[in-house]
């Protein structure tokens, strides 16, 4: 196997497994032996990192996983041929693509669905602001404000990382919602698994499974929340679901759908509210609040205020 492209494909597969130190040293020597070697290897990294087709990315991932389970250290020509075939079919071999950067913002009362270059889908709730930065080795999202559903295309080698201020959330392919509330961050996992790491406390790192909900409080501590994860997807269906919600959560969620914001002034303990409403019924729900919970609704100079009574 003298062709640099085939050699690069072979090394690409070998290094996806548990390469020994001797193999890593051999790889570095191979890179240094010819500039074409490094160029071809970078091409395979670009192929993997920037597949435009989720289906092809997953096919390559499964092929690699089968190869690693079967013969992790000795890779046959067939596996190399598979990588080359997928690369050629996708039209990506030797391709160099600049990183993707986007600044996304949804106005009050408007939701938006976006498909990113790798096939990942985002559904932004109203009044949400995120920055997207796709580099060669990592897919990065800054959730600056609001709430979003992330349906992440699977890529074991290129993690999808969300920075939300209080925590960093890392996944490689899953579906989950991140809700940035005024005093906490809520992560609801619909399927797959995500890693949640507190920004303030490096030892606070949890693996959150499908169906689970966790929150990160204002001090950076994580806790499990006894809520159905599916509640968080309600906004994608045109609804809001509150279950044992305090006034802070009520105010933040409803403010995304009205020009005049709601401000919560909670006592201790705060009233807890459970309700399901359509997004078109936000104003009716606010008017009805005093009849369903011990809540006072008053109009201030610049906002509508909710307080316990």
C-alpha atoms as a PDB file:
ATOM      1  CA  UNK A   1       0.000   0.000   0.000  1.00  0.00           C
ATOM      2  CA  UNK A   2       2.230   2.792  -1.370  1.00  0.00           C
ATOM      3  CA  UNK A   3      -0.427   5.314  -2.280  1.00  0.00           C
ATOM      4  CA  UNK A   4      -0.528   8.204   0.281  1.00  0.00           C
ATOM      5  CA  UNK A   5      -4.320   8.279   0.145  1.00  0.00           C
ATOM      6  CA  UNK A   6      -4.630   4.589   1.026  1.00  0.00           C
ATOM      7  CA  UNK A   7      -1.989   4.951   3.721  1.00  0.00           C
ATOM      8  CA  UNK A   8      -3.866   7.920   5.194  1.00  0.00           C
ATOM      9  CA  UNK A   9      -7.101   5.925   5.203  1.00  0.00           C
ATOM     10  CA  UNK A  10      -5.378   3.043   6.975  1.00  0.00           C
ATOM     11  CA  UNK A  11      -3.915   5.328   9.630  1.00  0.00           C
ATOM     12  CA  UNK A  12      -7.244   7.065  10.036  1.00  0.00           C
ATOM     13  CA  UNK A  13      -8.879   3.746  10.892  1.00  0.00           C
ATOM     14  CA  UNK A  14      -6.017   2.529  13.074  1.00  0.00           C
ATOM     15  CA  UNK A  15      -6.030   5.654  15.229  1.00  0.00           C
ATOM     16  CA  UNK A  16      -9.756   5.348  15.845  1.00  0.00           C
ATOM     17  CA  UNK A  17      -8.968   2.282  17.956  1.00  0.00           C
ATOM     18  CA  UNK A  18      -6.675   1.938  20.952  1.00  0.00           C
ATOM     19  CA  UNK A  19      -3.394   2.671  19.223  1.00  0.00           C
ATOM     20  CA  UNK A  20      -0.310   1.619  21.164  1.00  0.00           C
ATOM     21  CA  UNK A  21       2.453   4.106  21.912  1.00  0.00           C
ATOM     22  CA  UNK A  22       4.672   2.399  19.357  1.00  0.00           C
ATOM     23  CA  UNK A  23       1.981   2.801  16.714  1.00  0.00           C
ATOM     24  CA  UNK A  24       1.561   6.472  17.600  1.00  0.00           C
ATOM     25  CA  UNK A  25       5.298   7.006  17.190  1.00  0.00           C
ATOM     26  CA  UNK A  26       5.160   5.198  13.846  1.00  0.00           C
ATOM     27  CA  UNK A  27       2.285   7.448  12.791  1.00  0.00           C
ATOM     28  CA  UNK A  28       4.260  10.595  13.623  1.00  0.00           C
ATOM     29  CA  UNK A  29       7.175   9.279  11.590  1.00  0.00           C
ATOM     30  CA  UNK A  30       4.861   8.580   8.668  1.00  0.00           C
ATOM     31  CA  UNK A  31       3.482  12.128   8.849  1.00  0.00           C
ATOM     32  CA  UNK A  32       6.969  13.621   8.860  1.00  0.00           C
ATOM     33  CA  UNK A  33       8.195  11.462   5.987  1.00  0.00           C
ATOM     34  CA  UNK A  34       6.275  13.271   3.264  1.00  0.00           C
ATOM     35  CA  UNK A  35       4.146  16.467   3.248  1.00  0.00           C
ATOM     36  CA  UNK A  36       1.635  14.583   1.100  1.00  0.00           C
ATOM     37  CA  UNK A  37       1.015  12.175   3.966  1.00  0.00           C
ATOM     38  CA  UNK A  38      -0.051  14.930   6.344  1.00  0.00           C
ATOM     39  CA  UNK A  39      -2.165  16.548   3.640  1.00  0.00           C
ATOM     40  CA  UNK A  40      -4.016  13.314   2.870  1.00  0.00           C
ATOM     41  CA  UNK A  41      -4.580  12.549   6.543  1.00  0.00           C
ATOM     42  CA  UNK A  42      -6.021  16.032   7.129  1.00  0.00           C
ATOM     43  CA  UNK A  43      -8.331  15.379   4.196  1.00  0.00           C
ATOM     44  CA  UNK A  44      -9.751  12.339   5.966  1.00  0.00           C
ATOM     45  CA  UNK A  45     -10.211  14.343   9.147  1.00  0.00           C
ATOM     46  CA  UNK A  46     -12.058  16.990   7.131  1.00  0.00           C
ATOM     47  CA  UNK A  47     -14.168  14.269   5.541  1.00  0.00           C
ATOM     48  CA  UNK A  48     -15.141  12.942   8.954  1.00  0.00           C
ATOM     49  CA  UNK A  49     -15.657  16.331  10.590  1.00  0.00           C
ATOM     50  CA  UNK A  50     -17.687  17.959   7.855  1.00  0.00           C
ATOM     51  CA  UNK A  51     -19.860  15.320   6.222  1.00  0.00           C
ATOM     52  CA  UNK A  52     -22.928  17.039   4.856  1.00  0.00           C
ATOM     53  CA  UNK A  53     -24.934  13.813   5.117  1.00  0.00           C
ATOM     54  CA  UNK A  54     -25.826  12.391   8.502  1.00  0.00           C
ATOM     55  CA  UNK A  55     -26.578   9.044   6.833  1.00  0.00           C
ATOM     56  CA  UNK A  56     -23.078   8.807   5.360  1.00  0.00           C
ATOM     57  CA  UNK A  57     -21.463   9.937   8.606  1.00  0.00           C
ATOM     58  CA  UNK A  58     -23.296   7.236  10.524  1.00  0.00           C
ATOM     59  CA  UNK A  59     -22.367   4.609   7.917  1.00  0.00           C
ATOM     60  CA  UNK A  60     -18.711   5.500   8.303  1.00  0.00           C
ATOM     61  CA  UNK A  61     -19.032   5.502  12.101  1.00  0.00           C
ATOM     62  CA  UNK A  62     -20.621   2.048  12.120  1.00  0.00           C
ATOM     63  CA  UNK A  63     -17.987   0.694   9.739  1.00  0.00           C
ATOM     64  CA  UNK A  64     -15.264   1.966  12.039  1.00  0.00           C
ATOM     65  CA  UNK A  65     -16.945   0.536  15.108  1.00  0.00           C
ATOM     66  CA  UNK A  66     -17.266  -2.887  13.457  1.00  0.00           C
ATOM     67  CA  UNK A  67     -13.623  -2.759  12.433  1.00  0.00           C
ATOM     68  CA  UNK A  68     -12.547  -1.795  15.964  1.00  0.00           C
ATOM     69  CA  UNK A  69     -14.561  -4.635  17.519  1.00  0.00           C
ATOM     70  CA  UNK A  70     -13.197  -7.186  15.085  1.00  0.00           C
ATOM     71  CA  UNK A  71      -9.525  -6.359  14.525  1.00  0.00           C
ATOM     72  CA  UNK A  72      -8.564  -3.160  16.335  1.00  0.00           C
ATOM     73  CA  UNK A  73      -4.855  -3.337  15.579  1.00  0.00           C
ATOM     74  CA  UNK A  74      -4.644  -4.949  12.151  1.00  0.00           C
ATOM     75  CA  UNK A  75      -6.683  -3.244   9.478  1.00  0.00           C
ATOM     76  CA  UNK A  76      -7.235  -4.953   6.175  1.00  0.00           C
ATOM     77  CA  UNK A  77      -7.415  -3.425   2.721  1.00  0.00           C
ATOM     78  CA  UNK A  78     -11.190  -3.927   2.738  1.00  0.00           C
ATOM     79  CA  UNK A  79     -11.708  -1.464   5.581  1.00  0.00           C
ATOM     80  CA  UNK A  80      -9.470   1.071   3.864  1.00  0.00           C
ATOM     81  CA  UNK A  81     -11.391   0.588   0.622  1.00  0.00           C
ATOM     82  CA  UNK A  82     -14.646   1.233   2.470  1.00  0.00           C
ATOM     83  CA  UNK A  83     -13.393   4.575   3.762  1.00  0.00           C
ATOM     84  CA  UNK A  84     -12.141   5.550   0.303  1.00  0.00           C
ATOM     85  CA  UNK A  85     -15.440   4.521  -1.285  1.00  0.00           C
ATOM     86  CA  UNK A  86     -17.466   6.581   1.172  1.00  0.00           C
ATOM     87  CA  UNK A  87     -15.146   9.532   0.706  1.00  0.00           C
ATOM     88  CA  UNK A  88     -15.402   9.353  -3.066  1.00  0.00           C
ATOM     89  CA  UNK A  89     -19.176   8.883  -3.049  1.00  0.00           C
ATOM     90  CA  UNK A  90     -19.652  11.881  -0.785  1.00  0.00           C
ATOM     91  CA  UNK A  91     -17.419  14.043  -2.957  1.00  0.00           C
ATOM     92  CA  UNK A  92     -15.381  15.199   0.033  1.00  0.00           C
ATOM     93  CA  UNK A  93     -11.969  13.648  -0.512  1.00  0.00           C
ATOM     94  CA  UNK A  94      -9.325  16.354  -0.365  1.00  0.00           C
ATOM     95  CA  UNK A  95     -11.921  19.013   0.377  1.00  0.00           C
ATOM     96  CA  UNK A  96     -11.094  21.959   2.636  1.00  0.00           C
ATOM     97  CA  UNK A  97     -14.023  23.815   4.147  1.00  0.00           C
ATOM     98  CA  UNK A  98     -13.948  26.901   6.351  1.00  0.00           C
ATOM     99  CA  UNK A  99     -15.599  26.618   9.781  1.00  0.00           C
ATOM    100  CA  UNK A 100     -19.271  27.499  10.050  1.00  0.00           C
ATOM    101  CA  UNK A 101     -20.242  30.458  12.237  1.00  0.00           C
ATOM    102  CA  UNK A 102     -23.779  31.683  12.820  1.00  0.00           C
ATOM    103  CA  UNK A 103     -25.481  34.105  15.196  1.00  0.00           C
ATOM    104  CA  UNK A 104     -29.135  33.142  15.586  1.00  0.00           C
ATOM    105  CA  UNK A 105     -31.875  35.095  17.333  1.00  0.00           C
ATOM    106  CA  UNK A 106     -35.628  34.588  17.530  1.00  0.00           C
ATOM    107  CA  UNK A 107     -37.841  37.598  18.341  1.00  0.00           C
ATOM    108  CA  UNK A 108     -40.473  37.568  21.076  1.00  0.00           C
ATOM    109  CA  UNK A 109     -43.356  35.310  20.096  1.00  0.00           C
ATOM    110  CA  UNK A 110     -41.553  33.622  17.189  1.00  0.00           C
ATOM    111  CA  UNK A 111     -39.968  30.186  16.987  1.00  0.00           C
ATOM    112  CA  UNK A 112     -37.509  28.941  14.403  1.00  0.00           C
ATOM    113  CA  UNK A 113     -36.159  25.627  13.124  1.00  0.00           C
ATOM    114  CA  UNK A 114     -32.640  25.453  11.693  1.00  0.00           C
ATOM    115  CA  UNK A 115     -30.697  22.604  10.095  1.00  0.00           C
ATOM    116  CA  UNK A 116     -26.940  22.944  10.509  1.00  0.00           C
ATOM    117  CA  UNK A 117     -24.370  21.807   7.986  1.00  0.00           C
ATOM    118  CA  UNK A 118     -23.790  18.422   9.636  1.00  0.00           C
ATOM    119  CA  UNK A 119     -27.499  17.596   9.680  1.00  0.00           C
ATOM    120  CA  UNK A 120     -28.093  18.573  13.309  1.00  0.00           C
ATOM    121  CA  UNK A 121     -31.466  20.245  13.820  1.00  0.00           C
ATOM    122  CA  UNK A 122     -32.186  23.093  16.224  1.00  0.00           C
ATOM    123  CA  UNK A 123     -35.612  24.333  17.244  1.00  0.00           C
ATOM    124  CA  UNK A 124     -35.350  27.682  18.978  1.00  0.00           C
ATOM    125  CA  UNK A 125     -38.053  28.840  21.334  1.00  0.00           C
ATOM    126  CA  UNK A 126     -39.104  32.488  21.217  1.00  0.00           C
ATOM    127  CA  UNK A 127     -36.692  35.158  22.522  1.00  0.00           C
ATOM    128  CA  UNK A 128     -33.700  32.836  22.177  1.00  0.00           C
ATOM    129  CA  UNK A 129     -30.168  33.797  21.195  1.00  0.00           C
ATOM    130  CA  UNK A 130     -27.393  31.361  20.282  1.00  0.00           C
ATOM    131  CA  UNK A 131     -24.016  31.480  18.560  1.00  0.00           C
ATOM    132  CA  UNK A 132     -22.879  28.527  16.433  1.00  0.00           C
ATOM    133  CA  UNK A 133     -19.214  27.801  15.733  1.00  0.00           C
ATOM    134  CA  UNK A 134     -18.309  24.650  13.830  1.00  0.00           C
ATOM    135  CA  UNK A 135     -14.569  24.034  13.857  1.00  0.00           C
ATOM    136  CA  UNK A 136     -12.573  21.058  12.632  1.00  0.00           C
ATOM    137  CA  UNK A 137     -12.613  19.172  15.932  1.00  0.00           C
ATOM    138  CA  UNK A 138     -15.645  20.466  17.825  1.00  0.00           C
ATOM    139  CA  UNK A 139     -19.160  21.749  17.177  1.00  0.00           C
ATOM    140  CA  UNK A 140     -19.695  24.606  19.626  1.00  0.00           C
ATOM    141  CA  UNK A 141     -22.890  26.380  20.658  1.00  0.00           C
ATOM    142  CA  UNK A 142     -23.239  29.337  23.025  1.00  0.00           C
ATOM    143  CA  UNK A 143     -26.757  29.506  24.439  1.00  0.00           C
ATOM    144  CA  UNK A 144     -26.868  33.137  25.507  1.00  0.00           C
ATOM    145  CA  UNK A 145     -30.588  33.399  26.178  1.00  0.00           C
ATOM    146  CA  UNK A 146     -33.762  31.352  26.002  1.00  0.00           C
ATOM    147  CA  UNK A 147     -34.489  27.723  25.212  1.00  0.00           C
ATOM    148  CA  UNK A 148     -33.719  25.336  22.366  1.00  0.00           C
ATOM    149  CA  UNK A 149     -34.236  21.742  21.305  1.00  0.00           C
ATOM    150  CA  UNK A 150     -31.082  20.128  19.926  1.00  0.00           C
ATOM    151  CA  UNK A 151     -31.343  17.033  17.713  1.00  0.00           C
ATOM    152  CA  UNK A 152     -27.654  16.344  17.215  1.00  0.00           C
ATOM    153  CA  UNK A 153     -26.251  14.366  14.290  1.00  0.00           C
ATOM    154  CA  UNK A 154     -24.099  11.491  15.517  1.00  0.00           C
ATOM    155  CA  UNK A 155     -20.353  12.012  15.257  1.00  0.00           C
ATOM    156  CA  UNK A 156     -18.271  10.161  17.879  1.00  0.00           C
ATOM    157  CA  UNK A 157     -15.088  12.018  16.944  1.00  0.00           C
ATOM    158  CA  UNK A 158     -16.447  15.549  16.875  1.00  0.00           C
ATOM    159  CA  UNK A 159     -18.389  16.406  20.039  1.00  0.00           C
ATOM    160  CA  UNK A 160     -21.252  18.876  20.091  1.00  0.00           C
ATOM    161  CA  UNK A 161     -20.628  21.228  23.039  1.00  0.00           C
ATOM    162  CA  UNK A 162     -23.082  23.778  24.432  1.00  0.00           C
ATOM    163  CA  UNK A 163     -21.812  26.524  26.721  1.00  0.00           C
ATOM    164  CA  UNK A 164     -24.679  28.003  28.706  1.00  0.00           C
ATOM    165  CA  UNK A 165     -22.877  30.010  31.357  1.00  0.00           C
ATOM    166  CA  UNK A 166     -23.654  27.785  34.334  1.00  0.00           C
ATOM    167  CA  UNK A 167     -22.663  24.514  32.660  1.00  0.00           C
ATOM    168  CA  UNK A 168     -21.090  22.920  29.620  1.00  0.00           C
ATOM    169  CA  UNK A 169     -23.102  20.196  27.912  1.00  0.00           C
ATOM    170  CA  UNK A 170     -21.302  17.663  25.706  1.00  0.00           C
ATOM    171  CA  UNK A 171     -22.946  15.142  23.377  1.00  0.00           C
ATOM    172  CA  UNK A 172     -22.041  13.116  20.314  1.00  0.00           C
ATOM    173  CA  UNK A 173     -25.523  12.457  18.980  1.00  0.00           C
ATOM    174  CA  UNK A 174     -28.775  12.778  20.888  1.00  0.00           C
ATOM    175  CA  UNK A 175     -31.957  14.836  21.340  1.00  0.00           C
ATOM    176  CA  UNK A 176     -32.448  17.160  24.299  1.00  0.00           C
ATOM    177  CA  UNK A 177     -33.684  20.578  25.426  1.00  0.00           C
ATOM    178  CA  UNK A 178     -31.707  23.253  27.259  1.00  0.00           C
ATOM    179  CA  UNK A 179     -33.723  25.961  29.010  1.00  0.00           C
ATOM    180  CA  UNK A 180     -31.900  28.986  30.385  1.00  0.00           C
ATOM    181  CA  UNK A 181     -34.071  30.326  33.218  1.00  0.00           C
ATOM    182  CA  UNK A 182     -33.182  33.441  35.266  1.00  0.00           C
ATOM    183  CA  UNK A 183     -31.869  31.549  38.298  1.00  0.00           C
ATOM    184  CA  UNK A 184     -30.989  28.133  36.875  1.00  0.00           C
ATOM    185  CA  UNK A 185     -30.368  25.981  33.835  1.00  0.00           C
ATOM    186  CA  UNK A 186     -32.553  22.984  32.985  1.00  0.00           C
ATOM    187  CA  UNK A 187     -31.503  20.084  30.734  1.00  0.00           C
ATOM    188  CA  UNK A 188     -34.146  17.569  29.607  1.00  0.00           C
ATOM    189  CA  UNK A 189     -32.935  14.515  27.644  1.00  0.00           C
ATOM    190  CA  UNK A 190     -35.431  13.004  25.207  1.00  0.00           C
ATOM    191  CA  UNK A 191     -33.143  10.237  23.948  1.00  0.00           C
ATOM    192  CA  UNK A 192     -29.478   9.364  24.078  1.00  0.00           C
ATOM    193  CA  UNK A 193     -27.156  10.616  26.790  1.00  0.00           C
ATOM    194  CA  UNK A 194     -25.504  13.952  27.548  1.00  0.00           C
ATOM    195  CA  UNK A 195     -22.667  14.996  29.822  1.00  0.00           C
ATOM    196  CA  UNK A 196     -23.345  18.038  31.989  1.00  0.00           C
ATOM    197  CA  UNK A 197     -20.334  19.697  33.638  1.00  0.00           C
ATOM    198  CA  UNK A 198     -20.693  22.613  36.037  1.00  0.00           C
ATOM    199  CA  UNK A 199     -18.691  25.657  34.976  1.00  0.00           C
ATOM    200  CA  UNK A 200     -18.013  26.686  38.578  1.00  0.00           C
ATOM    201  CA  UNK A 201     -17.340  23.243  40.045  1.00  0.00           C
ATOM    202  CA  UNK A 202     -15.205  21.034  37.756  1.00  0.00           C
ATOM    203  CA  UNK A 203     -15.935  17.930  39.838  1.00  0.00           C
ATOM    204  CA  UNK A 204     -19.675  18.366  39.262  1.00  0.00           C
ATOM    205  CA  UNK A 205     -20.034  16.320  36.063  1.00  0.00           C
ATOM    206  CA  UNK A 206     -23.053  14.095  35.470  1.00  0.00           C
ATOM    207  CA  UNK A 207     -24.117  11.686  32.753  1.00  0.00           C
ATOM    208  CA  UNK A 208     -27.795  12.344  32.065  1.00  0.00           C
ATOM    209  CA  UNK A 209     -29.784   9.550  30.418  1.00  0.00           C
ATOM    210  CA  UNK A 210     -32.898   9.577  28.238  1.00  0.00           C
ATOM    211  CA  UNK A 211     -35.995  10.556  30.193  1.00  0.00           C
ATOM    212  CA  UNK A 212     -34.045  12.397  32.880  1.00  0.00           C
ATOM    213  CA  UNK A 213     -34.109  16.092  33.787  1.00  0.00           C
ATOM    214  CA  UNK A 214     -31.379  17.919  35.693  1.00  0.00           C
ATOM    215  CA  UNK A 215     -30.944  21.522  36.765  1.00  0.00           C
ATOM    216  CA  UNK A 216     -27.858  23.590  37.495  1.00  0.00           C
ATOM    217  CA  UNK A 217     -28.568  26.240  40.121  1.00  0.00           C
ATOM    218  CA  UNK A 218     -27.097  29.738  40.267  1.00  0.00           C
ATOM    219  CA  UNK A 219     -24.175  28.472  42.357  1.00  0.00           C
ATOM    220  CA  UNK A 220     -23.270  25.819  39.806  1.00  0.00           C
ATOM    221  CA  UNK A 221     -24.569  22.750  41.655  1.00  0.00           C
ATOM    222  CA  UNK A 222     -26.443  20.000  39.828  1.00  0.00           C
ATOM    223  CA  UNK A 223     -29.592  18.257  40.984  1.00  0.00           C
ATOM    224  CA  UNK A 224     -32.058  15.817  39.495  1.00  0.00           C
ATOM    225  CA  UNK A 225     -35.586  17.071  38.930  1.00  0.00           C
ATOM    226  CA  UNK A 226     -38.632  14.820  39.062  1.00  0.00           C
ATOM    227  CA  UNK A 227     -40.223  15.998  35.817  1.00  0.00           C
ATOM    228  CA  UNK A 228     -41.091  14.214  32.552  1.00  0.00           C
ATOM    229  CA  UNK A 229     -38.421  15.093  29.993  1.00  0.00           C
ATOM    230  CA  UNK A 230     -41.118  15.307  27.320  1.00  0.00           C
ATOM    231  CA  UNK A 231     -42.579  18.405  29.004  1.00  0.00           C
ATOM    232  CA  UNK A 232     -39.640  20.397  27.646  1.00  0.00           C
ATOM    233  CA  UNK A 233     -40.590  19.578  24.046  1.00  0.00           C
ATOM    234  CA  UNK A 234     -44.052  21.121  24.429  1.00  0.00           C
ATOM    235  CA  UNK A 235     -43.041  24.450  22.865  1.00  0.00           C
ATOM    236  CA  UNK A 236     -42.204  22.636  19.603  1.00  0.00           C
ATOM    237  CA  UNK A 237     -45.856  21.513  19.489  1.00  0.00           C
ATOM    238  CA  UNK A 238     -47.267  24.970  20.249  1.00  0.00           C
ATOM    239  CA  UNK A 239     -47.863  24.386  23.961  1.00  0.00           C
ATOM    240  CA  UNK A 240     -46.390  25.204  27.346  1.00  0.00           C
ATOM    241  CA  UNK A 241     -46.420  22.666  30.173  1.00  0.00           C
ATOM    242  CA  UNK A 242     -45.849  23.747  33.772  1.00  0.00           C
ATOM    243  CA  UNK A 243     -45.518  21.104  36.455  1.00  0.00           C
ATOM    244  CA  UNK A 244     -44.948  22.283  40.011  1.00  0.00           C
ATOM    245  CA  UNK A 245     -43.441  25.483  38.560  1.00  0.00           C
ATOM    246  CA  UNK A 246     -42.530  28.496  40.682  1.00  0.00           C
ATOM    247  CA  UNK A 247     -43.342  32.071  39.691  1.00  0.00           C
ATOM    248  CA  UNK A 248     -39.844  32.643  38.327  1.00  0.00           C
ATOM    249  CA  UNK A 249     -40.266  29.859  35.775  1.00  0.00           C
ATOM    250  CA  UNK A 250     -43.788  31.021  34.926  1.00  0.00           C
ATOM    251  CA  UNK A 251     -42.641  34.610  34.361  1.00  0.00           C
ATOM    252  CA  UNK A 252     -39.605  33.671  32.257  1.00  0.00           C
ATOM    253  CA  UNK A 253     -41.540  31.224  30.072  1.00  0.00           C
ATOM    254  CA  UNK A 254     -44.489  33.527  29.393  1.00  0.00           C
ATOM    255  CA  UNK A 255     -42.277  36.576  28.781  1.00  0.00           C
ATOM    256  CA  UNK A 256     -40.979  34.886  25.638  1.00  0.00           C
ATOM    257  CA  UNK A 257     -44.441  35.369  24.147  1.00  0.00           C
ATOM    258  CA  UNK A 258     -45.408  38.935  25.092  1.00  0.00           C
ATOM    259  CA  UNK A 259     -43.860  42.344  24.477  1.00  0.00           C
ATOM    260  CA  UNK A 260     -44.485  43.478  28.039  1.00  0.00           C
ATOM    261  CA  UNK A 261     -42.285  41.233  30.212  1.00  0.00           C
ATOM    262  CA  UNK A 262     -43.380  39.500  33.376  1.00  0.00           C
ATOM    263  CA  UNK A 263     -41.404  39.968  36.581  1.00  0.00           C
ATOM    264  CA  UNK A 264     -41.712  37.520  39.474  1.00  0.00           C
ATOM    265  CA  UNK A 265     -41.550  38.691  43.075  1.00  0.00           C
ATOM    266  CA  UNK A 266     -41.685  35.453  44.989  1.00  0.00           C
ATOM    267  CA  UNK A 267     -42.123  34.860  48.660  1.00  0.00           C
ATOM    268  CA  UNK A 268     -40.956  31.796  50.523  1.00  0.00           C
ATOM    269  CA  UNK A 269     -42.313  29.358  49.747  1.00  0.00           C
ATOM    270  CA  UNK A 270     -43.269  30.397  46.231  1.00  0.00           C
ATOM    271  CA  UNK A 271     -46.653  29.247  44.954  1.00  0.00           C
ATOM    272  CA  UNK A 272     -46.311  26.123  42.797  1.00  0.00           C
ATOM    273  CA  UNK A 273     -48.373  25.931  39.629  1.00  0.00           C
ATOM    274  CA  UNK A 274     -49.216  23.085  37.235  1.00  0.00           C
ATOM    275  CA  UNK A 275     -50.922  23.890  33.944  1.00  0.00           C
ATOM    276  CA  UNK A 276     -50.987  23.166  30.216  1.00  0.00           C
ATOM    277  CA  UNK A 277     -51.751  25.961  27.770  1.00  0.00           C
ATOM    278  CA  UNK A 278     -51.496  26.774  24.107  1.00  0.00           C
ATOM    279  CA  UNK A 279     -49.076  29.503  23.111  1.00  0.00           C
ATOM    280  CA  UNK A 280     -52.004  31.491  21.752  1.00  0.00           C
ATOM    281  CA  UNK A 281     -53.590  31.559  25.235  1.00  0.00           C
ATOM    282  CA  UNK A 282     -50.791  33.284  27.165  1.00  0.00           C
ATOM    283  CA  UNK A 283     -52.786  36.432  27.983  1.00  0.00           C
ATOM    284  CA  UNK A 284     -55.851  34.457  29.060  1.00  0.00           C
ATOM    285  CA  UNK A 285     -53.651  32.355  31.334  1.00  0.00           C
ATOM    286  CA  UNK A 286     -52.133  35.432  32.985  1.00  0.00           C
ATOM    287  CA  UNK A 287     -55.581  36.853  33.666  1.00  0.00           C
ATOM    288  CA  UNK A 288     -56.692  33.524  35.149  1.00  0.00           C
ATOM    289  CA  UNK A 289     -53.643  33.061  37.405  1.00  0.00           C
ATOM    290  CA  UNK A 290     -55.198  34.643  40.531  1.00  0.00           C
ATOM    291  CA  UNK A 291     -58.100  32.194  40.308  1.00  0.00           C
ATOM    292  CA  UNK A 292     -55.944  29.060  40.109  1.00  0.00           C
ATOM    293  CA  UNK A 293     -53.144  29.938  42.550  1.00  0.00           C
ATOM    294  CA  UNK A 294     -52.409  32.406  45.376  1.00  0.00           C
ATOM    295  CA  UNK A 295     -50.879  34.892  42.944  1.00  0.00           C
ATOM    296  CA  UNK A 296     -51.329  38.638  42.543  1.00  0.00           C
ATOM    297  CA  UNK A 297     -51.002  40.134  39.037  1.00  0.00           C
ATOM    298  CA  UNK A 298     -50.276  43.874  38.900  1.00  0.00           C
ATOM    299  CA  UNK A 299     -49.190  46.225  36.162  1.00  0.00           C
ATOM    300  CA  UNK A 300     -45.973  48.109  36.847  1.00  0.00           C
ATOM    301  CA  UNK A 301     -44.400  50.905  34.826  1.00  0.00           C
ATOM    302  CA  UNK A 302     -42.517  48.658  32.433  1.00  0.00           C
ATOM    303  CA  UNK A 303     -43.628  45.133  33.255  1.00  0.00           C
ATOM    304  CA  UNK A 304     -46.415  42.938  34.570  1.00  0.00           C
ATOM    305  CA  UNK A 305     -45.567  41.746  38.066  1.00  0.00           C
ATOM    306  CA  UNK A 306     -46.399  38.386  39.610  1.00  0.00           C
ATOM    307  CA  UNK A 307     -46.236  38.045  43.372  1.00  0.00           C
ATOM    308  CA  UNK A 308     -47.403  35.593  46.013  1.00  0.00           C
ATOM    309  CA  UNK A 309     -50.380  36.545  48.151  1.00  0.00           C
END
